[in-house]
Amino acid sequence: MAINVSVPEATRQFTELLQRVRQGEEVIISEAGMPVARLLPISAKSPRIPGQDRGKVIVSPDFDHPLPEDVINDFINPTTPQL
């Protein structure tokens, strides 16, 4: 369950609120009764596994072939599309 505090209260108790966030709690900071910010713990990133996406990406056989001349010209001399 989230802890709701006002801006002045959050200012006075920031260290304590931060400790509660470290313990997994959520803190909602409100101004004039309206929520304006949420403090959440940052979840640990899962480790990257080499090869986990193997087979999910397809690279065209001509991926590294030179671009057609008209495409190169569009990069060199871009034109504004007509609407």
PDB file of N, CA and C in Angstrom:
ATOM      1  N   MET A   1       0.843  -1.184   0.000  1.00  0.00           N
ATOM      2  CA  MET A   1       0.000   0.000   0.000  1.00  0.00           C
ATOM      3  C   MET A   1       0.883   1.240   0.000  1.00  0.00           C
ATOM      4  N   ALA A   2       0.475   2.252  -0.717  1.00  0.00           N
ATOM      5  CA  ALA A   2       1.257   3.477  -0.838  1.00  0.00           C
ATOM      6  C   ALA A   2       1.065   4.380   0.374  1.00  0.00           C
ATOM      7  N   ILE A   3       2.105   5.133   0.671  1.00  0.00           N
ATOM      8  CA  ILE A   3       2.076   6.137   1.728  1.00  0.00           C
ATOM      9  C   ILE A   3       1.795   7.469   1.044  1.00  0.00           C
ATOM     10  N   ASN A   4       0.819   8.221   1.526  1.00  0.00           N
ATOM     11  CA  ASN A   4       0.495   9.527   0.956  1.00  0.00           C
ATOM     12  C   ASN A   4       0.983  10.622   1.890  1.00  0.00           C
ATOM     13  N   VAL A   5       1.756  11.569   1.338  1.00  0.00           N
ATOM     14  CA  VAL A   5       2.261  12.687   2.136  1.00  0.00           C
ATOM     15  C   VAL A   5       2.143  13.976   1.332  1.00  0.00           C
ATOM     16  N   SER A   6       2.052  15.086   2.050  1.00  0.00           N
ATOM     17  CA  SER A   6       2.027  16.400   1.402  1.00  0.00           C
ATOM     18  C   SER A   6       3.458  16.811   1.062  1.00  0.00           C
ATOM     19  N   VAL A   7       3.601  17.837   0.240  1.00  0.00           N
ATOM     20  CA  VAL A   7       4.932  18.327  -0.131  1.00  0.00           C
ATOM     21  C   VAL A   7       5.715  18.782   1.097  1.00  0.00           C
ATOM     22  N   PRO A   8       5.140  19.610   1.989  1.00  0.00           N
ATOM     23  CA  PRO A   8       5.907  20.018   3.171  1.00  0.00           C
ATOM     24  C   PRO A   8       6.301  18.827   4.050  1.00  0.00           C
ATOM     25  N   GLU A   9       5.390  17.875   4.196  1.00  0.00           N
ATOM     26  CA  GLU A   9       5.673  16.690   4.997  1.00  0.00           C
ATOM     27  C   GLU A   9       6.794  15.867   4.346  1.00  0.00           C
ATOM     28  N   ALA A  10       6.759  15.729   3.024  1.00  0.00           N
ATOM     29  CA  ALA A  10       7.804  14.989   2.306  1.00  0.00           C
ATOM     30  C   ALA A  10       9.149  15.683   2.460  1.00  0.00           C
ATOM     31  N   THR A  11       9.142  17.015   2.461  1.00  0.00           N
ATOM     32  CA  THR A  11      10.384  17.772   2.639  1.00  0.00           C
ATOM     33  C   THR A  11      10.979  17.506   4.018  1.00  0.00           C
ATOM     34  N   ARG A  12      10.136  17.542   5.035  1.00  0.00           N
ATOM     35  CA  ARG A  12      10.612  17.321   6.405  1.00  0.00           C
ATOM     36  C   ARG A  12      11.063  15.884   6.640  1.00  0.00           C
ATOM     37  N   GLN A  13      10.391  14.935   6.018  1.00  0.00           N
ATOM     38  CA  GLN A  13      10.643  13.521   6.308  1.00  0.00           C
ATOM     39  C   GLN A  13      11.338  12.785   5.162  1.00  0.00           C
ATOM     40  N   PHE A  14      12.030  13.510   4.296  1.00  0.00           N
ATOM     41  CA  PHE A  14      12.567  12.873   3.091  1.00  0.00           C
ATOM     42  C   PHE A  14      13.449  11.666   3.393  1.00  0.00           C
ATOM     43  N   THR A  15      14.352  11.793   4.348  1.00  0.00           N
ATOM     44  CA  THR A  15      15.258  10.683   4.670  1.00  0.00           C
ATOM     45  C   THR A  15      14.475   9.449   5.110  1.00  0.00           C
ATOM     46  N   GLU A  16      13.482   9.640   5.952  1.00  0.00           N
ATOM     47  CA  GLU A  16      12.673   8.518   6.423  1.00  0.00           C
ATOM     48  C   GLU A  16      11.860   7.905   5.280  1.00  0.00           C
ATOM     49  N   LEU A  17      11.296   8.770   4.435  1.00  0.00           N
ATOM     50  CA  LEU A  17      10.518   8.264   3.300  1.00  0.00           C
ATOM     51  C   LEU A  17      11.407   7.480   2.337  1.00  0.00           C
ATOM     52  N   LEU A  18      12.607   7.979   2.113  1.00  0.00           N
ATOM     53  CA  LEU A  18      13.544   7.287   1.235  1.00  0.00           C
ATOM     54  C   LEU A  18      13.882   5.905   1.790  1.00  0.00           C
ATOM     55  N   GLN A  19      14.026   5.817   3.092  1.00  0.00           N
ATOM     56  CA  GLN A  19      14.299   4.516   3.715  1.00  0.00           C
ATOM     57  C   GLN A  19      13.134   3.551   3.485  1.00  0.00           C
ATOM     58  N   ARG A  20      11.920   4.043   3.583  1.00  0.00           N
ATOM     59  CA  ARG A  20      10.743   3.188   3.356  1.00  0.00           C
ATOM     60  C   ARG A  20      10.673   2.740   1.902  1.00  0.00           C
ATOM     61  N   VAL A  21      11.065   3.636   0.989  1.00  0.00           N
ATOM     62  CA  VAL A  21      11.106   3.263  -0.429  1.00  0.00           C
ATOM     63  C   VAL A  21      12.142   2.166  -0.638  1.00  0.00           C
ATOM     64  N   ARG A  22      13.291   2.296   0.005  1.00  0.00           N
ATOM     65  CA  ARG A  22      14.330   1.253  -0.086  1.00  0.00           C
ATOM     66  C   ARG A  22      13.800  -0.104   0.377  1.00  0.00           C
ATOM     67  N   GLN A  23      12.860  -0.077   1.312  1.00  0.00           N
ATOM     68  CA  GLN A  23      12.289  -1.317   1.837  1.00  0.00           C
ATOM     69  C   GLN A  23      11.154  -1.842   0.959  1.00  0.00           C
ATOM     70  N   GLY A  24      10.884  -1.141  -0.155  1.00  0.00           N
ATOM     71  CA  GLY A  24       9.886  -1.627  -1.105  1.00  0.00           C
ATOM     72  C   GLY A  24       8.564  -0.903  -1.095  1.00  0.00           C
ATOM     73  N   GLU A  25       8.405   0.091  -0.231  1.00  0.00           N
ATOM     74  CA  GLU A  25       7.137   0.818  -0.177  1.00  0.00           C
ATOM     75  C   GLU A  25       7.090   1.902  -1.255  1.00  0.00           C
ATOM     76  N   GLU A  26       5.890   2.318  -1.602  1.00  0.00           N
ATOM     77  CA  GLU A  26       5.663   3.383  -2.567  1.00  0.00           C
ATOM     78  C   GLU A  26       5.197   4.616  -1.812  1.00  0.00           C
ATOM     79  N   VAL A  27       5.705   5.790  -2.202  1.00  0.00           N
ATOM     80  CA  VAL A  27       5.324   7.046  -1.558  1.00  0.00           C
ATOM     81  C   VAL A  27       4.700   7.954  -2.612  1.00  0.00           C
ATOM     82  N   ILE A  28       3.501   8.450  -2.329  1.00  0.00           N
ATOM     83  CA  ILE A  28       2.819   9.405  -3.202  1.00  0.00           C
ATOM     84  C   ILE A  28       2.920  10.774  -2.538  1.00  0.00           C
ATOM     85  N   ILE A  29       3.421  11.759  -3.280  1.00  0.00           N
ATOM     86  CA  ILE A  29       3.529  13.126  -2.760  1.00  0.00           C
ATOM     87  C   ILE A  29       2.410  13.948  -3.392  1.00  0.00           C
ATOM     88  N   SER A  30       1.627  14.607  -2.538  1.00  0.00           N
ATOM     89  CA  SER A  30       0.476  15.377  -3.005  1.00  0.00           C
ATOM     90  C   SER A  30       0.642  16.857  -2.707  1.00  0.00           C
ATOM     91  N   GLU A  31       0.044  17.655  -3.570  1.00  0.00           N
ATOM     92  CA  GLU A  31       0.031  19.108  -3.402  1.00  0.00           C
ATOM     93  C   GLU A  31      -1.421  19.553  -3.507  1.00  0.00           C
ATOM     94  N   ALA A  32      -1.911  20.211  -2.492  1.00  0.00           N
ATOM     95  CA  ALA A  32      -3.313  20.636  -2.429  1.00  0.00           C
ATOM     96  C   ALA A  32      -4.244  19.439  -2.621  1.00  0.00           C
ATOM     97  N   GLY A  33      -3.849  18.294  -2.061  1.00  0.00           N
ATOM     98  CA  GLY A  33      -4.682  17.103  -2.134  1.00  0.00           C
ATOM     99  C   GLY A  33      -4.603  16.317  -3.431  1.00  0.00           C
ATOM    100  N   MET A  34      -3.831  16.818  -4.401  1.00  0.00           N
ATOM    101  CA  MET A  34      -3.703  16.137  -5.695  1.00  0.00           C
ATOM    102  C   MET A  34      -2.331  15.482  -5.804  1.00  0.00           C
ATOM    103  N   PRO A  35      -2.262  14.203  -6.179  1.00  0.00           N
ATOM    104  CA  PRO A  35      -0.966  13.538  -6.332  1.00  0.00           C
ATOM    105  C   PRO A  35      -0.138  14.205  -7.430  1.00  0.00           C
ATOM    106  N   VAL A  36       1.132  14.488  -7.126  1.00  0.00           N
ATOM    107  CA  VAL A  36       2.016  15.126  -8.114  1.00  0.00           C
ATOM    108  C   VAL A  36       3.279  14.319  -8.381  1.00  0.00           C
ATOM    109  N   ALA A  37       3.619  13.391  -7.484  1.00  0.00           N
ATOM    110  CA  ALA A  37       4.842  12.605  -7.687  1.00  0.00           C
ATOM    111  C   ALA A  37       4.708  11.266  -6.984  1.00  0.00           C
ATOM    112  N   ARG A  38       5.471  10.308  -7.491  1.00  0.00           N
ATOM    113  CA  ARG A  38       5.486   8.976  -6.900  1.00  0.00           C
ATOM    114  C   ARG A  38       6.935   8.540  -6.733  1.00  0.00           C
ATOM    115  N   LEU A  39       7.296   8.118  -5.538  1.00  0.00           N
ATOM    116  CA  LEU A  39       8.628   7.563  -5.278  1.00  0.00           C
ATOM    117  C   LEU A  39       8.494   6.049  -5.239  1.00  0.00           C
ATOM    118  N   LEU A  40       9.281   5.381  -6.085  1.00  0.00           N
ATOM    119  CA  LEU A  40       9.242   3.927  -6.173  1.00  0.00           C
ATOM    120  C   LEU A  40      10.641   3.367  -6.042  1.00  0.00           C
ATOM    121  N   PRO A  41      10.775   2.170  -5.503  1.00  0.00           N
ATOM    122  CA  PRO A  41      12.099   1.551  -5.503  1.00  0.00           C
ATOM    123  C   PRO A  41      12.468   1.153  -6.930  1.00  0.00           C
ATOM    124  N   ILE A  42      13.742   1.253  -7.240  1.00  0.00           N
ATOM    125  CA  ILE A  42      14.215   0.825  -8.556  1.00  0.00           C
ATOM    126  C   ILE A  42      14.466  -0.668  -8.476  1.00  0.00           C
ATOM    127  N   SER A  43      13.806  -1.401  -9.344  1.00  0.00           N
ATOM    128  CA  SER A  43      13.982  -2.853  -9.310  1.00  0.00           C
ATOM    129  C   SER A  43      15.313  -3.226  -9.967  1.00  0.00           C
ATOM    130  N   ALA A  44      15.906  -4.266  -9.453  1.00  0.00           N
ATOM    131  CA  ALA A  44      17.192  -4.724  -9.979  1.00  0.00           C
ATOM    132  C   ALA A  44      17.008  -5.243 -11.398  1.00  0.00           C
ATOM    133  N   LYS A  45      17.977  -4.943 -12.238  1.00  0.00           N
ATOM    134  CA  LYS A  45      17.919  -5.423 -13.614  1.00  0.00           C
ATOM    135  C   LYS A  45      18.293  -6.898 -13.645  1.00  0.00           C
ATOM    136  N   SER A  46      17.590  -7.618 -14.495  1.00  0.00           N
ATOM    137  CA  SER A  46      17.942  -9.026 -14.637  1.00  0.00           C
ATOM    138  C   SER A  46      19.194  -9.131 -15.511  1.00  0.00           C
ATOM    139  N   PRO A  47      20.015 -10.129 -15.260  1.00  0.00           N
ATOM    140  CA  PRO A  47      21.253 -10.253 -16.033  1.00  0.00           C
ATOM    141  C   PRO A  47      20.966 -10.552 -17.502  1.00  0.00           C
ATOM    142  N   ARG A  48      21.819 -10.019 -18.366  1.00  0.00           N
ATOM    143  CA  ARG A  48      21.687 -10.282 -19.794  1.00  0.00           C
ATOM    144  C   ARG A  48      22.250 -11.665 -20.090  1.00  0.00           C
ATOM    145  N   ILE A  49      21.554 -12.395 -20.921  1.00  0.00           N
ATOM    146  CA  ILE A  49      21.976 -13.746 -21.267  1.00  0.00           C
ATOM    147  C   ILE A  49      22.415 -13.752 -22.726  1.00  0.00           C
ATOM    148  N   PRO A  50      23.698 -14.046 -22.979  1.00  0.00           N
ATOM    149  CA  PRO A  50      24.167 -14.075 -24.366  1.00  0.00           C
ATOM    150  C   PRO A  50      23.342 -15.061 -25.199  1.00  0.00           C
ATOM    151  N   GLY A  51      22.911 -14.586 -26.371  1.00  0.00           N
ATOM    152  CA  GLY A  51      22.168 -15.447 -27.289  1.00  0.00           C
ATOM    153  C   GLY A  51      20.692 -15.583 -26.993  1.00  0.00           C
ATOM    154  N   GLN A  52      20.170 -14.847 -26.004  1.00  0.00           N
ATOM    155  CA  GLN A  52      18.769 -15.023 -25.635  1.00  0.00           C
ATOM    156  C   GLN A  52      17.804 -14.607 -26.744  1.00  0.00           C
ATOM    157  N   ASP A  53      18.256 -13.767 -27.667  1.00  0.00           N
ATOM    158  CA  ASP A  53      17.389 -13.333 -28.765  1.00  0.00           C
ATOM    159  C   ASP A  53      17.759 -13.978 -30.099  1.00  0.00           C
ATOM    160  N   ARG A  54      18.581 -14.988 -30.057  1.00  0.00           N
ATOM    161  CA  ARG A  54      18.985 -15.671 -31.287  1.00  0.00           C
ATOM    162  C   ARG A  54      17.736 -16.181 -32.014  1.00  0.00           C
ATOM    163  N   GLY A  55      17.686 -15.894 -33.316  1.00  0.00           N
ATOM    164  CA  GLY A  55      16.560 -16.335 -34.127  1.00  0.00           C
ATOM    165  C   GLY A  55      15.388 -15.375 -34.136  1.00  0.00           C
ATOM    166  N   LYS A  56      15.427 -14.323 -33.333  1.00  0.00           N
ATOM    167  CA  LYS A  56      14.324 -13.365 -33.272  1.00  0.00           C
ATOM    168  C   LYS A  56      14.525 -12.194 -34.225  1.00  0.00           C
ATOM    169  N   VAL A  57      15.749 -12.006 -34.689  1.00  0.00           N
ATOM    170  CA  VAL A  57      16.057 -10.894 -35.584  1.00  0.00           C
ATOM    171  C   VAL A  57      16.533 -11.467 -36.912  1.00  0.00           C
ATOM    172  N   ILE A  58      15.967 -10.967 -38.001  1.00  0.00           N
ATOM    173  CA  ILE A  58      16.374 -11.420 -39.327  1.00  0.00           C
ATOM    174  C   ILE A  58      17.064 -10.261 -40.030  1.00  0.00           C
ATOM    175  N   VAL A  59      18.277 -10.500 -40.491  1.00  0.00           N
ATOM    176  CA  VAL A  59      19.038  -9.489 -41.218  1.00  0.00           C
ATOM    177  C   VAL A  59      19.038  -9.881 -42.689  1.00  0.00           C
ATOM    178  N   SER A  60      18.626  -8.947 -43.524  1.00  0.00           N
ATOM    179  CA  SER A  60      18.579  -9.194 -44.964  1.00  0.00           C
ATOM    180  C   SER A  60      19.970  -9.517 -45.495  1.00  0.00           C
ATOM    181  N   PRO A  61      20.076 -10.454 -46.442  1.00  0.00           N
ATOM    182  CA  PRO A  61      21.393 -10.809 -46.985  1.00  0.00           C
ATOM    183  C   PRO A  61      22.120  -9.620 -47.628  1.00  0.00           C
ATOM    184  N   ASP A  62      21.364  -8.632 -48.117  1.00  0.00           N
ATOM    185  CA  ASP A  62      22.002  -7.474 -48.756  1.00  0.00           C
ATOM    186  C   ASP A  62      22.138  -6.289 -47.797  1.00  0.00           C
ATOM    187  N   PHE A  63      22.080  -6.557 -46.512  1.00  0.00           N
ATOM    188  CA  PHE A  63      22.133  -5.510 -45.492  1.00  0.00           C
ATOM    189  C   PHE A  63      23.309  -4.556 -45.678  1.00  0.00           C
ATOM    190  N   ASP A  64      24.483  -5.094 -45.968  1.00  0.00           N
ATOM    191  CA  ASP A  64      25.674  -4.243 -46.058  1.00  0.00           C
ATOM    192  C   ASP A  64      26.064  -3.892 -47.490  1.00  0.00           C
ATOM    193  N   HIS A  65      25.163  -4.104 -48.446  1.00  0.00           N
ATOM    194  CA  HIS A  65      25.429  -3.691 -49.827  1.00  0.00           C
ATOM    195  C   HIS A  65      25.285  -2.173 -49.930  1.00  0.00           C
ATOM    196  N   PRO A  66      25.929  -1.576 -50.916  1.00  0.00           N
ATOM    197  CA  PRO A  66      25.793  -0.120 -51.089  1.00  0.00           C
ATOM    198  C   PRO A  66      24.335   0.271 -51.345  1.00  0.00           C
ATOM    199  N   LEU A  67      23.980   1.449 -50.873  1.00  0.00           N
ATOM    200  CA  LEU A  67      22.627   1.960 -51.093  1.00  0.00           C
ATOM    201  C   LEU A  67      22.465   2.399 -52.541  1.00  0.00           C
ATOM    202  N   PRO A  68      21.232   2.356 -53.052  1.00  0.00           N
ATOM    203  CA  PRO A  68      20.988   2.864 -54.408  1.00  0.00           C
ATOM    204  C   PRO A  68      21.322   4.360 -54.484  1.00  0.00           C
ATOM    205  N   GLU A  69      21.715   4.799 -55.658  1.00  0.00           N
ATOM    206  CA  GLU A  69      22.131   6.189 -55.871  1.00  0.00           C
ATOM    207  C   GLU A  69      21.047   7.190 -55.459  1.00  0.00           C
ATOM    208  N   ASP A  70      19.774   6.899 -55.762  1.00  0.00           N
ATOM    209  CA  ASP A  70      18.705   7.850 -55.420  1.00  0.00           C
ATOM    210  C   ASP A  70      18.542   8.000 -53.901  1.00  0.00           C
ATOM    211  N   VAL A  71      18.773   6.934 -53.155  1.00  0.00           N
ATOM    212  CA  VAL A  71      18.680   7.012 -51.698  1.00  0.00           C
ATOM    213  C   VAL A  71      19.838   7.848 -51.151  1.00  0.00           C
ATOM    214  N   ILE A  72      21.025   7.637 -51.662  1.00  0.00           N
ATOM    215  CA  ILE A  72      22.185   8.430 -51.244  1.00  0.00           C
ATOM    216  C   ILE A  72      21.943   9.903 -51.540  1.00  0.00           C
ATOM    217  N   ASN A  73      21.418  10.209 -52.716  1.00  0.00           N
ATOM    218  CA  ASN A  73      21.134  11.602 -53.085  1.00  0.00           C
ATOM    219  C   ASN A  73      20.109  12.231 -52.143  1.00  0.00           C
ATOM    220  N   ASP A  74      19.130  11.445 -51.689  1.00  0.00           N
ATOM    221  CA  ASP A  74      18.139  11.978 -50.747  1.00  0.00           C
ATOM    222  C   ASP A  74      18.771  12.354 -49.405  1.00  0.00           C
ATOM    223  N   PHE A  75      19.826  11.643 -49.005  1.00  0.00           N
ATOM    224  CA  PHE A  75      20.540  11.998 -47.777  1.00  0.00           C
ATOM    225  C   PHE A  75      21.383  13.253 -47.981  1.00  0.00           C
ATOM    226  N   ILE A  76      21.997  13.355 -49.139  1.00  0.00           N
ATOM    227  CA  ILE A  76      22.875  14.493 -49.424  1.00  0.00           C
ATOM    228  C   ILE A  76      22.068  15.759 -49.681  1.00  0.00           C
ATOM    229  N   ASN A  77      20.995  15.641 -50.438  1.00  0.00           N
ATOM    230  CA  ASN A  77      20.160  16.790 -50.805  1.00  0.00           C
ATOM    231  C   ASN A  77      18.710  16.520 -50.406  1.00  0.00           C
ATOM    232  N   PRO A  78      18.402  16.581 -49.115  1.00  0.00           N
ATOM    233  CA  PRO A  78      17.021  16.291 -48.702  1.00  0.00           C
ATOM    234  C   PRO A  78      16.061  17.360 -49.206  1.00  0.00           C
ATOM    235  N   THR A  79      14.867  16.926 -49.518  1.00  0.00           N
ATOM    236  CA  THR A  79      13.835  17.866 -49.957  1.00  0.00           C
ATOM    237  C   THR A  79      12.701  17.830 -48.948  1.00  0.00           C
ATOM    238  N   THR A  80      12.008  18.934 -48.832  1.00  0.00           N
ATOM    239  CA  THR A  80      10.862  19.001 -47.940  1.00  0.00           C
ATOM    240  C   THR A  80       9.665  18.411 -48.664  1.00  0.00           C
ATOM    241  N   PRO A  81       8.990  17.442 -48.044  1.00  0.00           N
ATOM    242  CA  PRO A  81       7.834  16.847 -48.719  1.00  0.00           C
ATOM    243  C   PRO A  81       6.737  17.886 -48.936  1.00  0.00           C
ATOM    244  N   GLN A  82       6.088  17.787 -50.068  1.00  0.00           N
ATOM    245  CA  GLN A  82       4.985  18.689 -50.394  1.00  0.00           C
ATOM    246  C   GLN A  82       3.697  18.125 -49.808  1.00  0.00           C
ATOM    247  N   LEU A  83       2.982  18.943 -49.042  1.00  0.00           N
ATOM    248  CA  LEU A  83       1.728  18.499 -48.420  1.00  0.00           C
ATOM    249  C   LEU A  83       0.550  18.933 -49.220  1.00  0.00           C
TER     250      LEU A  83
END
